[in-house]
C-alpha atoms as a PDB file:
ATOM      1  CA  UNK A   1     -22.896  -8.929 -22.308  1.00  0.00           C
ATOM      2  CA  UNK A   2     -21.468 -12.283 -21.962  1.00  0.00           C
ATOM      3  CA  UNK A   3     -20.921 -14.462 -18.920  1.00  0.00           C
ATOM      4  CA  UNK A   4     -17.361 -12.936 -18.277  1.00  0.00           C
ATOM      5  CA  UNK A   5     -18.401  -9.476 -18.510  1.00  0.00           C
ATOM      6  CA  UNK A   6     -21.492 -10.213 -16.218  1.00  0.00           C
ATOM      7  CA  UNK A   7     -19.413 -12.115 -13.504  1.00  0.00           C
ATOM      8  CA  UNK A   8     -16.731  -9.148 -13.404  1.00  0.00           C
ATOM      9  CA  UNK A   9     -19.592  -6.675 -13.038  1.00  0.00           C
ATOM     10  CA  UNK A  10     -21.385  -8.694 -10.205  1.00  0.00           C
ATOM     11  CA  UNK A  11     -18.107  -9.396  -8.213  1.00  0.00           C
ATOM     12  CA  UNK A  12     -16.914  -5.736  -8.514  1.00  0.00           C
ATOM     13  CA  UNK A  13     -20.206  -3.852  -8.031  1.00  0.00           C
ATOM     14  CA  UNK A  14     -21.874  -6.107  -5.371  1.00  0.00           C
ATOM     15  CA  UNK A  15     -19.996  -9.044  -4.055  1.00  0.00           C
ATOM     16  CA  UNK A  16     -16.500  -7.569  -3.143  1.00  0.00           C
ATOM     17  CA  UNK A  17     -18.430  -4.816  -1.075  1.00  0.00           C
ATOM     18  CA  UNK A  18     -21.452  -6.296   0.341  1.00  0.00           C
ATOM     19  CA  UNK A  19     -20.295 -10.201   0.925  1.00  0.00           C
ATOM     20  CA  UNK A  20     -16.672  -9.952   1.249  1.00  0.00           C
ATOM     21  CA  UNK A  21     -16.477  -6.540   2.559  1.00  0.00           C
ATOM     22  CA  UNK A  22     -13.034  -6.164   0.851  1.00  0.00           C
ATOM     23  CA  UNK A  23     -11.191  -2.942   1.630  1.00  0.00           C
ATOM     24  CA  UNK A  24     -11.057  -0.337  -0.942  1.00  0.00           C
ATOM     25  CA  UNK A  25      -7.150  -0.883  -1.386  1.00  0.00           C
ATOM     26  CA  UNK A  26      -7.954  -4.674  -2.063  1.00  0.00           C
ATOM     27  CA  UNK A  27     -10.697  -3.962  -4.453  1.00  0.00           C
ATOM     28  CA  UNK A  28      -8.637  -1.494  -6.411  1.00  0.00           C
ATOM     29  CA  UNK A  29      -5.731  -4.111  -6.707  1.00  0.00           C
ATOM     30  CA  UNK A  30      -8.249  -6.882  -7.896  1.00  0.00           C
ATOM     31  CA  UNK A  31      -9.704  -4.458 -10.551  1.00  0.00           C
ATOM     32  CA  UNK A  32      -6.281  -3.407 -11.855  1.00  0.00           C
ATOM     33  CA  UNK A  33      -5.247  -6.956 -12.161  1.00  0.00           C
ATOM     34  CA  UNK A  34      -8.372  -7.828 -14.390  1.00  0.00           C
ATOM     35  CA  UNK A  35      -7.815  -4.529 -16.287  1.00  0.00           C
ATOM     36  CA  UNK A  36      -4.350  -5.629 -17.141  1.00  0.00           C
ATOM     37  CA  UNK A  37      -5.376  -9.351 -17.773  1.00  0.00           C
ATOM     38  CA  UNK A  38      -8.153  -8.314 -20.231  1.00  0.00           C
ATOM     39  CA  UNK A  39      -5.670  -5.845 -22.030  1.00  0.00           C
ATOM     40  CA  UNK A  40      -2.933  -8.626 -22.384  1.00  0.00           C
ATOM     41  CA  UNK A  41      -5.779 -11.094 -23.735  1.00  0.00           C
ATOM     42  CA  UNK A  42      -6.825  -8.562 -26.353  1.00  0.00           C
ATOM     43  CA  UNK A  43      -3.469  -7.985 -27.792  1.00  0.00           C
ATOM     44  CA  UNK A  44      -2.357 -11.587 -27.475  1.00  0.00           C
ATOM     45  CA  UNK A  45      -5.513 -12.995 -28.875  1.00  0.00           C
ATOM     46  CA  UNK A  46      -6.402 -10.307 -31.342  1.00  0.00           C
ATOM     47  CA  UNK A  47     -10.038 -10.297 -29.933  1.00  0.00           C
ATOM     48  CA  UNK A  48     -11.971  -7.024 -28.791  1.00  0.00           C
ATOM     49  CA  UNK A  49     -12.285  -6.937 -25.072  1.00  0.00           C
ATOM     50  CA  UNK A  50     -16.114  -6.808 -25.051  1.00  0.00           C
ATOM     51  CA  UNK A  51     -15.860 -10.252 -26.948  1.00  0.00           C
ATOM     52  CA  UNK A  52     -13.576 -12.125 -24.359  1.00  0.00           C
ATOM     53  CA  UNK A  53     -15.379 -14.749 -22.382  1.00  0.00           C
ATOM     54  CA  UNK A  54     -14.173 -17.555 -19.968  1.00  0.00           C
ATOM     55  CA  UNK A  55     -13.161 -19.902 -22.606  1.00  0.00           C
ATOM     56  CA  UNK A  56     -10.113 -17.135 -23.165  1.00  0.00           C
ATOM     57  CA  UNK A  57      -9.074 -17.692 -19.668  1.00  0.00           C
ATOM     58  CA  UNK A  58      -7.281 -20.990 -20.224  1.00  0.00           C
ATOM     59  CA  UNK A  59      -4.167 -21.929 -18.086  1.00  0.00           C
ATOM     60  CA  UNK A  60      -1.876 -21.158 -20.922  1.00  0.00           C
ATOM     61  CA  UNK A  61      -3.119 -17.769 -21.354  1.00  0.00           C
ATOM     62  CA  UNK A  62      -3.343 -16.858 -17.810  1.00  0.00           C
ATOM     63  CA  UNK A  63       0.257 -18.189 -17.235  1.00  0.00           C
ATOM     64  CA  UNK A  64       1.407 -16.285 -20.029  1.00  0.00           C
ATOM     65  CA  UNK A  65       0.016 -13.081 -18.361  1.00  0.00           C
ATOM     66  CA  UNK A  66       1.714 -13.992 -15.302  1.00  0.00           C
ATOM     67  CA  UNK A  67       5.051 -14.272 -17.155  1.00  0.00           C
ATOM     68  CA  UNK A  68       4.415 -11.276 -18.949  1.00  0.00           C
ATOM     69  CA  UNK A  69       4.024  -9.237 -15.699  1.00  0.00           C
ATOM     70  CA  UNK A  70       7.455 -10.752 -14.442  1.00  0.00           C
ATOM     71  CA  UNK A  71       9.572 -10.517 -17.646  1.00  0.00           C
ATOM     72  CA  UNK A  72       8.123  -7.620 -19.493  1.00  0.00           C
ATOM     73  CA  UNK A  73       6.745  -5.405 -16.823  1.00  0.00           C
ATOM     74  CA  UNK A  74       9.411  -6.240 -14.333  1.00  0.00           C
ATOM     75  CA  UNK A  75       7.190  -7.221 -11.518  1.00  0.00           C
ATOM     76  CA  UNK A  76       8.562  -9.340  -8.624  1.00  0.00           C
ATOM     77  CA  UNK A  77       7.380 -12.750  -7.755  1.00  0.00           C
ATOM     78  CA  UNK A  78       5.269 -11.490  -4.860  1.00  0.00           C
ATOM     79  CA  UNK A  79       3.520  -8.982  -7.132  1.00  0.00           C
ATOM     80  CA  UNK A  80       2.848 -11.942  -9.701  1.00  0.00           C
ATOM     81  CA  UNK A  81       1.291 -14.048  -6.770  1.00  0.00           C
ATOM     82  CA  UNK A  82      -0.892 -11.120  -5.890  1.00  0.00           C
ATOM     83  CA  UNK A  83      -2.196 -10.883  -9.128  1.00  0.00           C
ATOM     84  CA  UNK A  84      -2.870 -14.564  -9.411  1.00  0.00           C
ATOM     85  CA  UNK A  85      -4.817 -14.196  -6.059  1.00  0.00           C
ATOM     86  CA  UNK A  86      -7.044 -11.511  -7.786  1.00  0.00           C
ATOM     87  CA  UNK A  87      -7.651 -13.822 -10.496  1.00  0.00           C
ATOM     88  CA  UNK A  88      -8.667 -16.548  -8.875  1.00  0.00           C
ATOM     89  CA  UNK A  89     -10.863 -14.642  -6.610  1.00  0.00           C
ATOM     90  CA  UNK A  90     -13.177 -13.508  -9.241  1.00  0.00           C
ATOM     91  CA  UNK A  91     -13.120 -16.986 -10.862  1.00  0.00           C
ATOM     92  CA  UNK A  92     -13.762 -18.860  -7.783  1.00  0.00           C
ATOM     93  CA  UNK A  93     -17.086 -16.563  -7.028  1.00  0.00           C
ATOM     94  CA  UNK A  94     -17.950 -17.281 -10.865  1.00  0.00           C
ATOM     95  CA  UNK A  95     -17.595 -21.080 -10.622  1.00  0.00           C
ATOM     96  CA  UNK A  96     -20.891 -22.107  -9.274  1.00  0.00           C
ATOM     97  CA  UNK A  97     -22.631 -19.853 -11.495  1.00  0.00           C
ATOM     98  CA  UNK A  98     -21.234 -21.076 -14.539  1.00  0.00           C
ATOM     99  CA  UNK A  99     -20.773 -24.746 -14.348  1.00  0.00           C
ATOM    100  CA  UNK A 100     -20.512 -24.745 -18.329  1.00  0.00           C
ATOM    101  CA  UNK A 101     -16.961 -23.373 -17.737  1.00  0.00           C
ATOM    102  CA  UNK A 102     -16.052 -25.603 -14.939  1.00  0.00           C
ATOM    103  CA  UNK A 103     -13.306 -27.353 -16.757  1.00  0.00           C
ATOM    104  CA  UNK A 104     -11.567 -23.932 -17.645  1.00  0.00           C
ATOM    105  CA  UNK A 105     -12.089 -22.371 -14.200  1.00  0.00           C
ATOM    106  CA  UNK A 106     -10.981 -25.222 -12.125  1.00  0.00           C
ATOM    107  CA  UNK A 107      -7.683 -25.224 -14.199  1.00  0.00           C
ATOM    108  CA  UNK A 108      -6.909 -21.898 -13.576  1.00  0.00           C
ATOM    109  CA  UNK A 109      -7.800 -22.017  -9.975  1.00  0.00           C
ATOM    110  CA  UNK A 110      -5.100 -24.967  -9.682  1.00  0.00           C
ATOM    111  CA  UNK A 111      -2.383 -22.853 -10.739  1.00  0.00           C
ATOM    112  CA  UNK A 112       0.000 -22.753  -7.735  1.00  0.00           C
ATOM    113  CA  UNK A 113       1.664 -19.413  -6.535  1.00  0.00           C
ATOM    114  CA  UNK A 114       5.316 -19.272  -7.600  1.00  0.00           C
ATOM    115  CA  UNK A 115       7.958 -19.879  -4.972  1.00  0.00           C
ATOM    116  CA  UNK A 116       9.760 -16.800  -3.528  1.00  0.00           C
ATOM    117  CA  UNK A 117      12.605 -16.081  -1.428  1.00  0.00           C
ATOM    118  CA  UNK A 118      12.092 -13.749   1.379  1.00  0.00           C
ATOM    119  CA  UNK A 119      14.492 -10.776   1.158  1.00  0.00           C
ATOM    120  CA  UNK A 120      16.404  -9.461   4.133  1.00  0.00           C
ATOM    121  CA  UNK A 121      14.374  -6.919   5.979  1.00  0.00           C
ATOM    122  CA  UNK A 122      15.902  -3.217   5.504  1.00  0.00           C
ATOM    123  CA  UNK A 123      15.928  -1.163   8.578  1.00  0.00           C
ATOM    124  CA  UNK A 124      17.821   1.682   9.975  1.00  0.00           C
ATOM    125  CA  UNK A 125      20.211   1.637  12.478  1.00  0.00           C
ATOM    126  CA  UNK A 126      19.935   4.121  15.550  1.00  0.00           C
ATOM    127  CA  UNK A 127      22.598   6.381  14.116  1.00  0.00           C
ATOM    128  CA  UNK A 128      20.913   6.483  10.946  1.00  0.00           C
ATOM    129  CA  UNK A 129      17.601   7.160  12.355  1.00  0.00           C
ATOM    130  CA  UNK A 130      18.987  10.205  14.217  1.00  0.00           C
ATOM    131  CA  UNK A 131      20.653  11.694  11.095  1.00  0.00           C
ATOM    132  CA  UNK A 132      17.224  11.322   9.196  1.00  0.00           C
ATOM    133  CA  UNK A 133      15.299  13.059  11.947  1.00  0.00           C
ATOM    134  CA  UNK A 134      17.985  15.834  11.963  1.00  0.00           C
ATOM    135  CA  UNK A 135      17.846  16.290   8.297  1.00  0.00           C
ATOM    136  CA  UNK A 136      14.340  18.382   7.870  1.00  0.00           C
ATOM    137  CA  UNK A 137      15.221  22.105   8.017  1.00  0.00           C
ATOM    138  CA  UNK A 138      13.519  23.435  11.329  1.00  0.00           C
ATOM    139  CA  UNK A 139      13.696  26.905   9.947  1.00  0.00           C
ATOM    140  CA  UNK A 140      10.543  25.978   7.849  1.00  0.00           C
ATOM    141  CA  UNK A 141       7.035  24.934   8.295  1.00  0.00           C
ATOM    142  CA  UNK A 142       7.218  21.886   6.194  1.00  0.00           C
ATOM    143  CA  UNK A 143      10.638  20.894   7.830  1.00  0.00           C
ATOM    144  CA  UNK A 144       9.085  20.815  11.382  1.00  0.00           C
ATOM    145  CA  UNK A 145       6.040  19.116  10.026  1.00  0.00           C
ATOM    146  CA  UNK A 146       8.312  16.511   8.279  1.00  0.00           C
ATOM    147  CA  UNK A 147      10.410  16.195  11.496  1.00  0.00           C
ATOM    148  CA  UNK A 148       7.414  15.265  13.683  1.00  0.00           C
ATOM    149  CA  UNK A 149       6.032  12.907  10.876  1.00  0.00           C
ATOM    150  CA  UNK A 150       9.266  10.966  10.695  1.00  0.00           C
ATOM    151  CA  UNK A 151       9.460  10.927  14.685  1.00  0.00           C
ATOM    152  CA  UNK A 152       5.651   9.421  14.627  1.00  0.00           C
ATOM    153  CA  UNK A 153       6.601   7.047  11.851  1.00  0.00           C
ATOM    154  CA  UNK A 154      10.058   5.641  13.438  1.00  0.00           C
ATOM    155  CA  UNK A 155       8.553   5.385  16.851  1.00  0.00           C
ATOM    156  CA  UNK A 156       4.908   3.871  16.151  1.00  0.00           C
ATOM    157  CA  UNK A 157       5.735   1.953  13.002  1.00  0.00           C
ATOM    158  CA  UNK A 158       2.460   3.169  11.430  1.00  0.00           C
ATOM    159  CA  UNK A 159       1.864   2.284   7.887  1.00  0.00           C
ATOM    160  CA  UNK A 160       2.047   4.970   5.124  1.00  0.00           C
ATOM    161  CA  UNK A 161      -1.715   4.922   4.702  1.00  0.00           C
ATOM    162  CA  UNK A 162      -2.199   5.239   8.570  1.00  0.00           C
ATOM    163  CA  UNK A 163       0.144   8.159   8.781  1.00  0.00           C
ATOM    164  CA  UNK A 164      -1.522   9.847   5.679  1.00  0.00           C
ATOM    165  CA  UNK A 165      -5.112   9.274   7.342  1.00  0.00           C
ATOM    166  CA  UNK A 166      -4.285  10.563  10.739  1.00  0.00           C
ATOM    167  CA  UNK A 167      -6.296  13.419  12.167  1.00  0.00           C
ATOM    168  CA  UNK A 168      -5.774  15.781  15.305  1.00  0.00           C
ATOM    169  CA  UNK A 169      -8.352  13.736  17.065  1.00  0.00           C
ATOM    170  CA  UNK A 170      -6.297  10.354  16.679  1.00  0.00           C
ATOM    171  CA  UNK A 171      -3.659  11.725  18.922  1.00  0.00           C
ATOM    172  CA  UNK A 172      -3.993  11.988  22.734  1.00  0.00           C
ATOM    173  CA  UNK A 173      -0.933  13.520  24.605  1.00  0.00           C
ATOM    174  CA  UNK A 174      -2.478  13.523  28.160  1.00  0.00           C
ATOM    175  CA  UNK A 175      -2.321  10.446  30.781  1.00  0.00           C
ATOM    176  CA  UNK A 176      -1.374   7.516  28.842  1.00  0.00           C
ATOM    177  CA  UNK A 177      -0.079   9.276  25.514  1.00  0.00           C
ATOM    178  CA  UNK A 178      -1.043   7.341  22.280  1.00  0.00           C
ATOM    179  CA  UNK A 179      -2.003   7.226  18.856  1.00  0.00           C
ATOM    180  CA  UNK A 180      -5.353   5.613  17.747  1.00  0.00           C
ATOM    181  CA  UNK A 181      -5.836   4.588  13.976  1.00  0.00           C
ATOM    182  CA  UNK A 182      -7.805   2.340  11.936  1.00  0.00           C
ATOM    183  CA  UNK A 183      -5.136  -0.137  10.346  1.00  0.00           C
ATOM    184  CA  UNK A 184      -4.869  -2.917   7.599  1.00  0.00           C
ATOM    185  CA  UNK A 185      -7.588  -5.223   7.730  1.00  0.00           C
ATOM    186  CA  UNK A 186      -9.864  -2.463   9.559  1.00  0.00           C
ATOM    187  CA  UNK A 187      -8.345  -3.363  12.742  1.00  0.00           C
ATOM    188  CA  UNK A 188      -8.251  -0.619  15.373  1.00  0.00           C
ATOM    189  CA  UNK A 189      -4.610   0.214  16.623  1.00  0.00           C
ATOM    190  CA  UNK A 190      -3.640   2.005  19.830  1.00  0.00           C
ATOM    191  CA  UNK A 191      -0.029   2.834  20.069  1.00  0.00           C
ATOM    192  CA  UNK A 192       1.639   4.191  23.125  1.00  0.00           C
ATOM    193  CA  UNK A 193       3.813   7.373  22.468  1.00  0.00           C
ATOM    194  CA  UNK A 194       7.356   7.882  24.113  1.00  0.00           C
ATOM    195  CA  UNK A 195       8.104  11.052  25.916  1.00  0.00           C
ATOM    196  CA  UNK A 196      10.357  12.273  23.186  1.00  0.00           C
ATOM    197  CA  UNK A 197       7.667  11.792  20.743  1.00  0.00           C
ATOM    198  CA  UNK A 198       5.071  13.456  22.810  1.00  0.00           C
ATOM    199  CA  UNK A 199       7.425  16.430  23.281  1.00  0.00           C
ATOM    200  CA  UNK A 200       7.919  16.710  19.488  1.00  0.00           C
ATOM    201  CA  UNK A 201       4.282  16.378  18.830  1.00  0.00           C
ATOM    202  CA  UNK A 202       3.304  19.089  21.734  1.00  0.00           C
ATOM    203  CA  UNK A 203       5.506  21.591  19.685  1.00  0.00           C
ATOM    204  CA  UNK A 204       4.253  20.563  16.478  1.00  0.00           C
ATOM    205  CA  UNK A 205       0.465  20.701  17.431  1.00  0.00           C
ATOM    206  CA  UNK A 206       0.866  24.132  18.794  1.00  0.00           C
ATOM    207  CA  UNK A 207       2.017  25.460  15.353  1.00  0.00           C
ATOM    208  CA  UNK A 208      -0.328  23.015  13.521  1.00  0.00           C
ATOM    209  CA  UNK A 209      -3.097  24.837  15.192  1.00  0.00           C
ATOM    210  CA  UNK A 210      -2.574  27.984  12.808  1.00  0.00           C
ATOM    211  CA  UNK A 211      -3.468  25.713   9.788  1.00  0.00           C
ATOM    212  CA  UNK A 212      -7.168  24.953   8.534  1.00  0.00           C
ATOM    213  CA  UNK A 213      -8.291  21.294   8.624  1.00  0.00           C
ATOM    214  CA  UNK A 214      -8.229  18.332  10.975  1.00  0.00           C
ATOM    215  CA  UNK A 215      -5.435  16.451   9.167  1.00  0.00           C
ATOM    216  CA  UNK A 216      -2.719  15.683  11.571  1.00  0.00           C
ATOM    217  CA  UNK A 217       0.214  15.804   9.010  1.00  0.00           C
ATOM    218  CA  UNK A 218      -1.205  18.121   6.444  1.00  0.00           C
ATOM    219  CA  UNK A 219      -0.227  20.121   3.381  1.00  0.00           C
ATOM    220  CA  UNK A 220      -0.215  24.013   3.328  1.00  0.00           C
ATOM    221  CA  UNK A 221      -3.820  24.145   3.002  1.00  0.00           C
ATOM    222  CA  UNK A 222      -4.612  21.795   5.504  1.00  0.00           C
ATOM    223  CA  UNK A 223      -5.315  18.848   2.956  1.00  0.00           C
ATOM    224  CA  UNK A 224      -4.261  15.212   3.479  1.00  0.00           C
ATOM    225  CA  UNK A 225      -0.673  14.378   2.181  1.00  0.00           C
ATOM    226  CA  UNK A 226      -0.621  11.605  -0.485  1.00  0.00           C
ATOM    227  CA  UNK A 227       1.429   8.641  -0.393  1.00  0.00           C
ATOM    228  CA  UNK A 228       3.613   9.602  -3.287  1.00  0.00           C
ATOM    229  CA  UNK A 229       4.068  13.208  -1.384  1.00  0.00           C
ATOM    230  CA  UNK A 230       4.872  11.404   1.755  1.00  0.00           C
ATOM    231  CA  UNK A 231       7.622   9.278  -0.116  1.00  0.00           C
ATOM    232  CA  UNK A 232       8.906  12.141  -1.756  1.00  0.00           C
ATOM    233  CA  UNK A 233       9.411  14.204   1.403  1.00  0.00           C
ATOM    234  CA  UNK A 234      11.312  11.099   2.951  1.00  0.00           C
ATOM    235  CA  UNK A 235      13.467  10.663  -0.081  1.00  0.00           C
ATOM    236  CA  UNK A 236      14.486  14.469   0.000  1.00  0.00           C
ATOM    237  CA  UNK A 237      15.527  14.009   3.808  1.00  0.00           C
ATOM    238  CA  UNK A 238      17.530  10.733   2.993  1.00  0.00           C
ATOM    239  CA  UNK A 239      19.506  12.535   0.792  1.00  0.00           C
ATOM    240  CA  UNK A 240      20.189  15.036   3.289  1.00  0.00           C
ATOM    241  CA  UNK A 241      20.894  12.385   6.019  1.00  0.00           C
ATOM    242  CA  UNK A 242      23.266  10.454   3.604  1.00  0.00           C
ATOM    243  CA  UNK A 243      25.849  13.600   3.789  1.00  0.00           C
ATOM    244  CA  UNK A 244      26.691  12.307   7.570  1.00  0.00           C
ATOM    245  CA  UNK A 245      25.556   8.567   7.189  1.00  0.00           C
ATOM    246  CA  UNK A 246      26.861   7.219   3.811  1.00  0.00           C
ATOM    247  CA  UNK A 247      25.529   3.845   4.266  1.00  0.00           C
ATOM    248  CA  UNK A 248      21.928   5.394   3.713  1.00  0.00           C
ATOM    249  CA  UNK A 249      22.720   5.603   0.184  1.00  0.00           C
ATOM    250  CA  UNK A 250      23.152   2.029  -0.385  1.00  0.00           C
ATOM    251  CA  UNK A 251      19.935   1.262   1.296  1.00  0.00           C
ATOM    252  CA  UNK A 252      16.335   1.170  -0.400  1.00  0.00           C
ATOM    253  CA  UNK A 253      14.588   3.078   2.181  1.00  0.00           C
ATOM    254  CA  UNK A 254      10.672   3.755   1.851  1.00  0.00           C
ATOM    255  CA  UNK A 255       8.173   4.606   4.537  1.00  0.00           C
ATOM    256  CA  UNK A 256       7.670   0.975   5.344  1.00  0.00           C
ATOM    257  CA  UNK A 257      11.346   0.823   6.224  1.00  0.00           C
ATOM    258  CA  UNK A 258      10.590   3.094   9.051  1.00  0.00           C
ATOM    259  CA  UNK A 259       7.900   0.461  10.157  1.00  0.00           C
ATOM    260  CA  UNK A 260      10.816  -2.197   9.913  1.00  0.00           C
ATOM    261  CA  UNK A 261      12.977   0.231  11.956  1.00  0.00           C
ATOM    262  CA  UNK A 262      10.187   0.429  14.680  1.00  0.00           C
ATOM    263  CA  UNK A 263      10.088  -3.353  14.725  1.00  0.00           C
ATOM    264  CA  UNK A 264      13.648  -4.121  15.019  1.00  0.00           C
END
């Protein structure tokens, strides 16, 4: 096992967990970046992956990989910069242990992030929100669940990962009604609930009690909804809502857009 392979193994099996205490999502993102980088270098240099070492990580090769992400894979500038951060994180950790590669590593660490323009924040108007909340079919269990989920998302601004991980123990509808969750960066978040949301959730929880499991917004067998499933349900209801609010068809709406809507 060469120096690069040893450094990657140490970072992802020990350092990221025990010393940096990175979140699972961050570790997965960093790992995916390095997997793509190694595959790119294997094809570009014609070298087997197990033979790649620090001398392959030149500024030319790393910059070429970042350009490949933008121009071939169609990634945004923001994604390009996130991938660069992942590369620099591992190399910054490896530098003290491999001074013989200091020249190559420091040159890569000096690659600046690419400038980007902030896009306008997309959000829904109150009329569009009402159309979206009215879109689910209240004659079905999934429709009533989706209505409760969308109501929670629009009012609280919870992230999609937070919505997917909620359990029935996280919601409190007595005095001072609120929803509690562990958010991004492992921060504990407690968000008050409005009277309209409380009423919706009371009705939903009465029916939810007939389904197994502890997940708040569950699938038909009580299991967690995946991020893809949640986005799929949102897209379905947006199509329905666009029949009365044509402006929705021109907007790129995701679950995170509902977070923007709550903020606005």
